[in-house]
Amino acid sequence: MAWVWYVIAGVTIVVVAGTVYYITTKDEEAALKTEEQVEEPKKLKLLSLSDEAIQLRLADKGLTLDADGGVEYFEVEENASTGYQWILKTSDCSPEVVKIETGFDAPVSDKEYDLVGAPGTRYFTFTGKGEGKCNFSMAYARPWEFDWEDEST
């Protein structure tokens, strides 16, 4: 009859071990799901300045940013090989109100040759830093031929 107690003790140990394993595995899965949700990056909203609707909206309503880190991202085609580039006039913008950053991605080809003469993409990032107003202008021109004061250029 002693063997019955060994069987009951053995079954109890297996049941307890299985329950502990199930609970810890479930907690680890929940923790992984929570980490995945937290680590998921925000998707960028990239607006194309080549889009006429966006140009009209910006001309009509301007750009409003949250003063405490609001961000807008823009892209536009630029062909540096022609000498043309996007020029920003930011003299009316205080760095305490808005931070304007720019970057350029050259054209990329999956072929073995370079894409000489092909347009790349210019990116602009506008980040709100504080309350205030910032008036800026943009022009697609050759810098040596362009003057903000000369209306004919």
N, C-alpha and C. Protein backbone atom coordinates (compact mmCIF):
# COMPACT_ATOMS: atom_id res chain seq x y z
N MET A 1 0.79 -1.19 0.00
CA MET A 1 0.00 0.00 0.00
C MET A 1 0.85 1.27 0.00
N ALA A 2 2.07 1.17 0.37
CA ALA A 2 2.97 2.33 0.39
C ALA A 2 3.19 2.86 -1.02
N TRP A 3 3.12 1.97 -1.98
CA TRP A 3 3.34 2.41 -3.36
C TRP A 3 2.26 3.38 -3.82
N VAL A 4 1.04 3.30 -3.26
CA VAL A 4 -0.05 4.22 -3.59
C VAL A 4 0.33 5.64 -3.21
N TRP A 5 0.95 5.78 -2.03
CA TRP A 5 1.38 7.12 -1.59
C TRP A 5 2.46 7.66 -2.50
N TYR A 6 3.33 6.81 -2.98
CA TYR A 6 4.37 7.26 -3.92
C TYR A 6 3.75 7.73 -5.23
N VAL A 7 2.73 7.04 -5.69
CA VAL A 7 2.04 7.42 -6.92
C VAL A 7 1.32 8.75 -6.72
N ILE A 8 0.61 8.91 -5.61
CA ILE A 8 -0.10 10.16 -5.34
C ILE A 8 0.90 11.32 -5.23
N ALA A 9 2.01 11.11 -4.54
CA ALA A 9 3.04 12.15 -4.39
C ALA A 9 3.64 12.48 -5.76
N GLY A 10 3.88 11.47 -6.58
CA GLY A 10 4.45 11.68 -7.91
C GLY A 10 3.50 12.46 -8.80
N VAL A 11 2.22 12.11 -8.81
CA VAL A 11 1.22 12.81 -9.61
C VAL A 11 1.09 14.25 -9.13
N THR A 12 1.10 14.45 -7.82
CA THR A 12 0.99 15.80 -7.25
C THR A 12 2.17 16.66 -7.70
N ILE A 13 3.36 16.11 -7.65
CA ILE A 13 4.57 16.84 -8.08
C ILE A 13 4.47 17.21 -9.55
N VAL A 14 4.02 16.29 -10.39
CA VAL A 14 3.88 16.55 -11.83
C VAL A 14 2.84 17.64 -12.06
N VAL A 15 1.71 17.57 -11.37
CA VAL A 15 0.65 18.57 -11.54
C VAL A 15 1.15 19.95 -11.10
N VAL A 16 1.80 20.02 -9.95
CA VAL A 16 2.32 21.31 -9.45
C VAL A 16 3.37 21.85 -10.41
N ALA A 17 4.29 21.02 -10.87
CA ALA A 17 5.33 21.47 -11.79
C ALA A 17 4.72 21.96 -13.10
N GLY A 18 3.71 21.24 -13.61
CA GLY A 18 3.04 21.65 -14.84
C GLY A 18 2.33 22.99 -14.67
N THR A 19 1.68 23.17 -13.53
CA THR A 19 0.98 24.42 -13.26
C THR A 19 1.96 25.59 -13.17
N VAL A 20 3.06 25.40 -12.47
CA VAL A 20 4.09 26.44 -12.35
C VAL A 20 4.65 26.77 -13.73
N TYR A 21 4.94 25.77 -14.53
CA TYR A 21 5.46 25.99 -15.88
C TYR A 21 4.46 26.77 -16.73
N TYR A 22 3.19 26.41 -16.66
CA TYR A 22 2.15 27.07 -17.43
C TYR A 22 2.03 28.54 -17.04
N ILE A 23 2.03 28.82 -15.74
CA ILE A 23 1.89 30.20 -15.25
C ILE A 23 3.10 31.04 -15.66
N THR A 24 4.31 30.52 -15.50
CA THR A 24 5.50 31.31 -15.85
C THR A 24 5.59 31.53 -17.35
N THR A 25 5.22 30.55 -18.15
CA THR A 25 5.25 30.70 -19.60
C THR A 25 4.24 31.75 -20.04
N LYS A 26 3.06 31.73 -19.45
CA LYS A 26 2.02 32.69 -19.79
C LYS A 26 2.48 34.11 -19.42
N ASP A 27 3.12 34.29 -18.25
CA ASP A 27 3.63 35.60 -17.83
C ASP A 27 4.71 36.11 -18.78
N GLU A 28 5.60 35.21 -19.22
CA GLU A 28 6.66 35.60 -20.15
C GLU A 28 6.07 36.03 -21.50
N GLU A 29 5.06 35.31 -21.99
CA GLU A 29 4.41 35.69 -23.24
C GLU A 29 3.73 37.04 -23.12
N ALA A 30 3.08 37.29 -21.99
CA ALA A 30 2.42 38.58 -21.78
C ALA A 30 3.46 39.69 -21.73
N ALA A 31 4.60 39.43 -21.07
CA ALA A 31 5.66 40.43 -20.99
C ALA A 31 6.24 40.72 -22.38
N LEU A 32 6.42 39.69 -23.19
CA LEU A 32 6.93 39.90 -24.55
C LEU A 32 5.96 40.71 -25.38
N LYS A 33 4.66 40.42 -25.28
CA LYS A 33 3.67 41.19 -26.02
C LYS A 33 3.69 42.64 -25.58
N THR A 34 3.83 42.89 -24.29
CA THR A 34 3.88 44.27 -23.78
C THR A 34 5.12 44.97 -24.32
N GLU A 35 6.28 44.31 -24.31
CA GLU A 35 7.51 44.90 -24.83
C GLU A 35 7.37 45.20 -26.31
N GLU A 36 6.75 44.29 -27.07
CA GLU A 36 6.57 44.52 -28.50
C GLU A 36 5.70 45.74 -28.74
N GLN A 37 4.66 45.91 -27.94
CA GLN A 37 3.78 47.06 -28.09
C GLN A 37 4.52 48.35 -27.75
N VAL A 38 5.35 48.33 -26.73
CA VAL A 38 6.08 49.52 -26.31
C VAL A 38 7.16 49.87 -27.33
N GLU A 39 7.85 48.89 -27.87
CA GLU A 39 8.97 49.13 -28.76
C GLU A 39 8.55 49.43 -30.19
N GLU A 40 7.27 49.29 -30.51
CA GLU A 40 6.83 49.54 -31.88
C GLU A 40 7.00 51.02 -32.20
N PRO A 41 7.83 51.35 -33.20
CA PRO A 41 8.07 52.75 -33.51
C PRO A 41 6.87 53.40 -34.18
N LYS A 42 6.76 54.70 -33.98
CA LYS A 42 5.71 55.44 -34.65
C LYS A 42 6.05 55.54 -36.13
N LYS A 43 5.04 55.45 -36.95
CA LYS A 43 5.27 55.57 -38.38
C LYS A 43 5.32 57.04 -38.75
N LEU A 44 6.29 57.39 -39.57
CA LEU A 44 6.44 58.77 -40.01
C LEU A 44 5.36 59.12 -41.00
N LYS A 45 4.87 60.31 -40.89
CA LYS A 45 3.93 60.83 -41.87
C LYS A 45 4.75 61.76 -42.76
N LEU A 46 5.11 61.27 -43.93
CA LEU A 46 5.98 62.00 -44.84
C LEU A 46 5.12 62.64 -45.92
N LEU A 47 5.10 63.96 -45.95
CA LEU A 47 4.29 64.69 -46.91
C LEU A 47 5.15 65.11 -48.09
N SER A 48 4.63 64.96 -49.28
CA SER A 48 5.38 65.31 -50.49
C SER A 48 5.09 66.74 -50.90
N LEU A 49 6.14 67.55 -50.98
CA LEU A 49 5.98 68.94 -51.43
C LEU A 49 5.76 69.00 -52.94
N SER A 50 5.88 67.89 -53.63
CA SER A 50 5.57 67.84 -55.06
C SER A 50 4.06 67.73 -55.29
N ASP A 51 3.32 67.42 -54.25
CA ASP A 51 1.86 67.28 -54.33
C ASP A 51 1.22 68.67 -54.29
N GLU A 52 0.48 69.00 -55.35
CA GLU A 52 -0.12 70.34 -55.44
C GLU A 52 -1.11 70.61 -54.31
N ALA A 53 -1.83 69.60 -53.87
CA ALA A 53 -2.79 69.78 -52.78
C ALA A 53 -2.07 70.19 -51.49
N ILE A 54 -0.94 69.59 -51.23
CA ILE A 54 -0.17 69.95 -50.04
C ILE A 54 0.39 71.35 -50.19
N GLN A 55 0.88 71.71 -51.38
CA GLN A 55 1.38 73.06 -51.62
C GLN A 55 0.29 74.10 -51.37
N LEU A 56 -0.92 73.84 -51.89
CA LEU A 56 -2.02 74.78 -51.70
C LEU A 56 -2.41 74.90 -50.22
N ARG A 57 -2.45 73.76 -49.53
CA ARG A 57 -2.80 73.79 -48.10
C ARG A 57 -1.78 74.60 -47.31
N LEU A 58 -0.48 74.41 -47.60
CA LEU A 58 0.56 75.15 -46.90
C LEU A 58 0.49 76.64 -47.22
N ALA A 59 0.24 76.97 -48.49
CA ALA A 59 0.13 78.37 -48.89
C ALA A 59 -1.07 79.04 -48.24
N ASP A 60 -2.17 78.29 -48.10
CA ASP A 60 -3.41 78.84 -47.56
C ASP A 60 -3.41 78.90 -46.03
N LYS A 61 -3.04 77.79 -45.38
CA LYS A 61 -3.17 77.69 -43.93
C LYS A 61 -1.83 77.70 -43.19
N GLY A 62 -0.74 77.55 -43.91
CA GLY A 62 0.55 77.49 -43.25
C GLY A 62 0.77 76.13 -42.60
N LEU A 63 1.73 76.09 -41.72
CA LEU A 63 2.09 74.86 -41.02
C LEU A 63 2.01 75.13 -39.53
N THR A 64 1.21 74.37 -38.81
CA THR A 64 1.07 74.54 -37.37
C THR A 64 1.70 73.34 -36.68
N LEU A 65 2.59 73.63 -35.73
CA LEU A 65 3.27 72.58 -34.98
C LEU A 65 2.98 72.73 -33.50
N ASP A 66 2.97 71.62 -32.78
CA ASP A 66 2.89 71.66 -31.33
C ASP A 66 4.18 72.30 -30.84
N ALA A 67 4.09 73.29 -29.96
CA ALA A 67 5.26 74.03 -29.50
C ALA A 67 6.22 73.18 -28.69
N ASP A 68 5.76 72.04 -28.23
CA ASP A 68 6.60 71.19 -27.39
C ASP A 68 6.97 69.90 -28.12
N GLY A 69 7.65 70.03 -29.27
CA GLY A 69 8.16 68.86 -29.97
C GLY A 69 7.31 68.34 -31.10
N GLY A 70 6.31 69.11 -31.54
CA GLY A 70 5.52 68.68 -32.70
C GLY A 70 6.42 68.61 -33.93
N VAL A 71 6.24 67.57 -34.74
CA VAL A 71 7.14 67.36 -35.87
C VAL A 71 6.34 67.13 -37.15
N GLU A 72 6.82 67.70 -38.25
CA GLU A 72 6.28 67.43 -39.59
C GLU A 72 7.47 67.09 -40.49
N TYR A 73 7.26 66.10 -41.35
CA TYR A 73 8.30 65.66 -42.28
C TYR A 73 7.84 65.90 -43.71
N PHE A 74 8.73 66.44 -44.53
CA PHE A 74 8.42 66.70 -45.93
C PHE A 74 9.52 66.13 -46.81
N GLU A 75 9.13 65.76 -48.02
CA GLU A 75 10.09 65.31 -49.02
C GLU A 75 9.79 66.02 -50.33
N VAL A 76 10.83 66.21 -51.13
CA VAL A 76 10.65 66.81 -52.44
C VAL A 76 11.83 66.39 -53.31
N GLU A 77 11.57 66.26 -54.58
CA GLU A 77 12.61 65.86 -55.53
C GLU A 77 13.60 67.01 -55.72
N GLU A 78 14.89 66.66 -55.85
CA GLU A 78 15.94 67.65 -56.08
C GLU A 78 17.00 67.01 -56.97
N ASN A 79 17.44 67.75 -57.98
CA ASN A 79 18.45 67.24 -58.90
C ASN A 79 19.69 68.12 -58.80
N ALA A 80 20.60 67.72 -57.95
CA ALA A 80 21.80 68.51 -57.69
C ALA A 80 22.71 68.60 -58.90
N SER A 81 22.65 67.63 -59.80
CA SER A 81 23.54 67.65 -60.97
C SER A 81 23.22 68.80 -61.92
N THR A 82 22.03 69.37 -61.83
CA THR A 82 21.66 70.51 -62.66
C THR A 82 22.01 71.83 -61.99
N GLY A 83 22.43 71.78 -60.75
CA GLY A 83 22.73 72.98 -59.99
C GLY A 83 21.54 73.49 -59.20
N TYR A 84 20.35 72.97 -59.51
CA TYR A 84 19.17 73.40 -58.78
C TYR A 84 19.12 72.71 -57.42
N GLN A 85 18.71 73.48 -56.43
CA GLN A 85 18.55 72.94 -55.09
C GLN A 85 17.48 73.74 -54.35
N TRP A 86 16.96 73.14 -53.31
CA TRP A 86 15.96 73.83 -52.50
C TRP A 86 16.67 74.78 -51.55
N ILE A 87 16.27 76.05 -51.61
CA ILE A 87 16.87 77.09 -50.78
C ILE A 87 15.79 77.56 -49.80
N LEU A 88 16.13 77.60 -48.52
CA LEU A 88 15.20 78.05 -47.49
C LEU A 88 15.62 79.43 -46.99
N LYS A 89 14.65 80.30 -46.89
CA LYS A 89 14.88 81.61 -46.27
C LYS A 89 14.24 81.53 -44.90
N THR A 90 15.07 81.48 -43.87
CA THR A 90 14.57 81.29 -42.51
C THR A 90 14.95 82.46 -41.61
N SER A 91 15.24 83.60 -42.20
CA SER A 91 15.69 84.75 -41.40
C SER A 91 14.63 85.21 -40.40
N ASP A 92 13.35 84.92 -40.67
CA ASP A 92 12.27 85.32 -39.75
C ASP A 92 11.95 84.22 -38.74
N CYS A 93 12.77 83.19 -38.67
CA CYS A 93 12.51 82.06 -37.78
C CYS A 93 13.52 82.04 -36.64
N SER A 94 13.00 82.04 -35.44
CA SER A 94 13.86 81.93 -34.27
C SER A 94 14.08 80.46 -33.94
N PRO A 95 15.32 80.07 -33.61
CA PRO A 95 15.58 78.67 -33.23
C PRO A 95 14.84 78.26 -31.95
N GLU A 96 14.37 79.24 -31.16
CA GLU A 96 13.59 78.91 -29.97
C GLU A 96 12.15 78.55 -30.33
N VAL A 97 11.73 78.86 -31.57
CA VAL A 97 10.36 78.58 -32.00
C VAL A 97 10.30 77.30 -32.83
N VAL A 98 11.20 77.16 -33.79
CA VAL A 98 11.18 75.98 -34.67
C VAL A 98 12.61 75.60 -35.06
N LYS A 99 12.82 74.32 -35.13
CA LYS A 99 14.10 73.77 -35.59
C LYS A 99 13.84 73.17 -36.97
N ILE A 100 14.62 73.61 -37.96
CA ILE A 100 14.45 73.10 -39.32
C ILE A 100 15.71 72.33 -39.69
N GLU A 101 15.51 71.06 -40.02
CA GLU A 101 16.64 70.21 -40.43
C GLU A 101 16.39 69.74 -41.86
N THR A 102 17.47 69.50 -42.58
CA THR A 102 17.35 69.04 -43.95
C THR A 102 18.35 67.91 -44.20
N GLY A 103 18.00 67.06 -45.15
CA GLY A 103 18.88 65.96 -45.53
C GLY A 103 18.63 65.61 -46.99
N PHE A 104 19.53 64.87 -47.57
CA PHE A 104 19.41 64.52 -48.98
C PHE A 104 19.78 63.05 -49.18
N ASP A 105 18.95 62.33 -49.94
CA ASP A 105 19.25 60.96 -50.34
C ASP A 105 19.47 60.94 -51.83
N ALA A 106 20.68 60.56 -52.23
CA ALA A 106 21.00 60.46 -53.65
C ALA A 106 20.23 59.29 -54.26
N PRO A 107 20.02 59.34 -55.56
CA PRO A 107 19.31 58.24 -56.21
C PRO A 107 20.10 56.94 -56.08
N VAL A 108 19.39 55.84 -55.97
CA VAL A 108 20.02 54.53 -55.80
C VAL A 108 19.53 53.61 -56.91
N SER A 109 20.44 52.82 -57.42
CA SER A 109 20.09 51.85 -58.45
C SER A 109 20.54 50.47 -58.02
N ASP A 110 19.79 49.48 -58.37
CA ASP A 110 20.20 48.11 -58.07
C ASP A 110 21.11 47.57 -59.18
N LYS A 111 21.42 48.40 -60.16
CA LYS A 111 22.35 48.03 -61.23
C LYS A 111 23.77 48.36 -60.78
N GLU A 112 24.75 48.00 -61.60
CA GLU A 112 26.15 48.23 -61.25
C GLU A 112 26.61 49.65 -61.53
N TYR A 113 25.84 50.42 -62.26
CA TYR A 113 26.27 51.77 -62.63
C TYR A 113 25.59 52.81 -61.73
N ASP A 114 26.24 54.00 -61.67
CA ASP A 114 25.68 55.10 -60.90
C ASP A 114 24.58 55.79 -61.70
N LEU A 115 23.74 56.49 -61.02
CA LEU A 115 22.66 57.21 -61.66
C LEU A 115 23.02 58.69 -61.77
N VAL A 116 24.07 58.99 -62.52
CA VAL A 116 24.52 60.36 -62.70
C VAL A 116 23.42 61.14 -63.42
N GLY A 117 23.06 62.29 -62.87
CA GLY A 117 22.04 63.13 -63.46
C GLY A 117 20.63 62.83 -63.01
N ALA A 118 20.44 61.75 -62.28
CA ALA A 118 19.10 61.40 -61.80
C ALA A 118 18.79 62.20 -60.52
N PRO A 119 17.52 62.55 -60.33
CA PRO A 119 17.17 63.32 -59.13
C PRO A 119 17.16 62.44 -57.88
N GLY A 120 17.47 63.08 -56.77
CA GLY A 120 17.40 62.44 -55.47
C GLY A 120 16.22 63.02 -54.70
N THR A 121 16.22 62.82 -53.40
CA THR A 121 15.13 63.30 -52.56
C THR A 121 15.69 64.16 -51.44
N ARG A 122 15.15 65.37 -51.32
CA ARG A 122 15.49 66.29 -50.23
C ARG A 122 14.42 66.12 -49.16
N TYR A 123 14.85 66.00 -47.91
CA TYR A 123 13.95 65.85 -46.78
C TYR A 123 14.06 67.06 -45.86
N PHE A 124 12.93 67.50 -45.34
CA PHE A 124 12.89 68.59 -44.38
C PHE A 124 12.15 68.11 -43.15
N THR A 125 12.69 68.45 -41.98
CA THR A 125 12.04 68.14 -40.72
C THR A 125 11.83 69.45 -39.97
N PHE A 126 10.59 69.75 -39.63
CA PHE A 126 10.25 70.94 -38.87
C PHE A 126 9.80 70.48 -37.49
N THR A 127 10.49 70.95 -36.45
CA THR A 127 10.20 70.55 -35.07
C THR A 127 9.86 71.79 -34.25
N GLY A 128 8.69 71.79 -33.61
CA GLY A 128 8.31 72.89 -32.75
C GLY A 128 9.14 72.90 -31.48
N LYS A 129 9.66 74.07 -31.12
CA LYS A 129 10.50 74.20 -29.92
C LYS A 129 9.87 75.10 -28.86
N GLY A 130 9.01 76.01 -29.28
CA GLY A 130 8.40 76.94 -28.34
C GLY A 130 7.31 77.72 -29.04
N GLU A 131 6.60 78.53 -28.27
CA GLU A 131 5.51 79.31 -28.84
C GLU A 131 6.07 80.47 -29.65
N GLY A 132 5.38 80.79 -30.74
CA GLY A 132 5.79 81.90 -31.58
C GLY A 132 5.40 81.64 -33.01
N LYS A 133 5.87 82.52 -33.87
CA LYS A 133 5.54 82.44 -35.28
C LYS A 133 6.84 82.42 -36.08
N CYS A 134 6.85 81.65 -37.14
CA CYS A 134 8.02 81.52 -38.01
C CYS A 134 7.55 81.62 -39.45
N ASN A 135 8.05 82.60 -40.17
CA ASN A 135 7.75 82.71 -41.59
C ASN A 135 8.98 82.29 -42.37
N PHE A 136 8.81 81.31 -43.23
CA PHE A 136 9.94 80.87 -44.05
C PHE A 136 9.47 80.75 -45.49
N SER A 137 10.41 80.84 -46.40
CA SER A 137 10.13 80.70 -47.82
C SER A 137 11.06 79.66 -48.40
N MET A 138 10.60 79.02 -49.48
CA MET A 138 11.40 78.02 -50.17
C MET A 138 11.43 78.34 -51.65
N ALA A 139 12.57 78.07 -52.26
CA ALA A 139 12.69 78.27 -53.71
C ALA A 139 13.56 77.14 -54.26
N TYR A 140 13.20 76.69 -55.46
CA TYR A 140 14.00 75.68 -56.16
C TYR A 140 14.76 76.43 -57.24
N ALA A 141 16.04 76.67 -57.00
CA ALA A 141 16.82 77.53 -57.89
C ALA A 141 18.29 77.18 -57.79
N ARG A 142 19.06 77.78 -58.69
CA ARG A 142 20.52 77.72 -58.61
C ARG A 142 20.96 78.85 -57.69
N PRO A 143 21.69 78.55 -56.63
CA PRO A 143 22.04 79.59 -55.65
C PRO A 143 22.80 80.77 -56.25
N TRP A 144 23.64 80.53 -57.23
CA TRP A 144 24.42 81.62 -57.81
C TRP A 144 23.59 82.50 -58.75
N GLU A 145 22.40 82.04 -59.13
CA GLU A 145 21.52 82.83 -59.99
C GLU A 145 20.34 83.43 -59.21
N PHE A 146 20.19 83.08 -57.96
CA PHE A 146 18.98 83.43 -57.22
C PHE A 146 19.27 84.46 -56.15
N ASP A 147 18.33 85.42 -56.01
CA ASP A 147 18.41 86.42 -54.95
C ASP A 147 17.00 86.64 -54.42
N TRP A 148 16.81 86.51 -53.12
CA TRP A 148 15.49 86.68 -52.54
C TRP A 148 14.93 88.07 -52.80
N GLU A 149 15.79 89.06 -52.90
CA GLU A 149 15.34 90.45 -53.08
C GLU A 149 14.96 90.73 -54.53
N ASP A 150 15.50 89.97 -55.48
CA ASP A 150 15.25 90.19 -56.91
C ASP A 150 14.02 89.37 -57.33
N GLU A 151 12.92 90.05 -57.62
CA GLU A 151 11.68 89.36 -57.97
C GLU A 151 11.72 88.68 -59.33
N SER A 152 12.67 89.05 -60.17
CA SER A 152 12.72 88.46 -61.52
C SER A 152 13.36 87.08 -61.53
N THR A 153 14.03 86.66 -60.43
CA THR A 153 14.65 85.33 -60.39
C THR A 153 13.73 84.30 -59.82
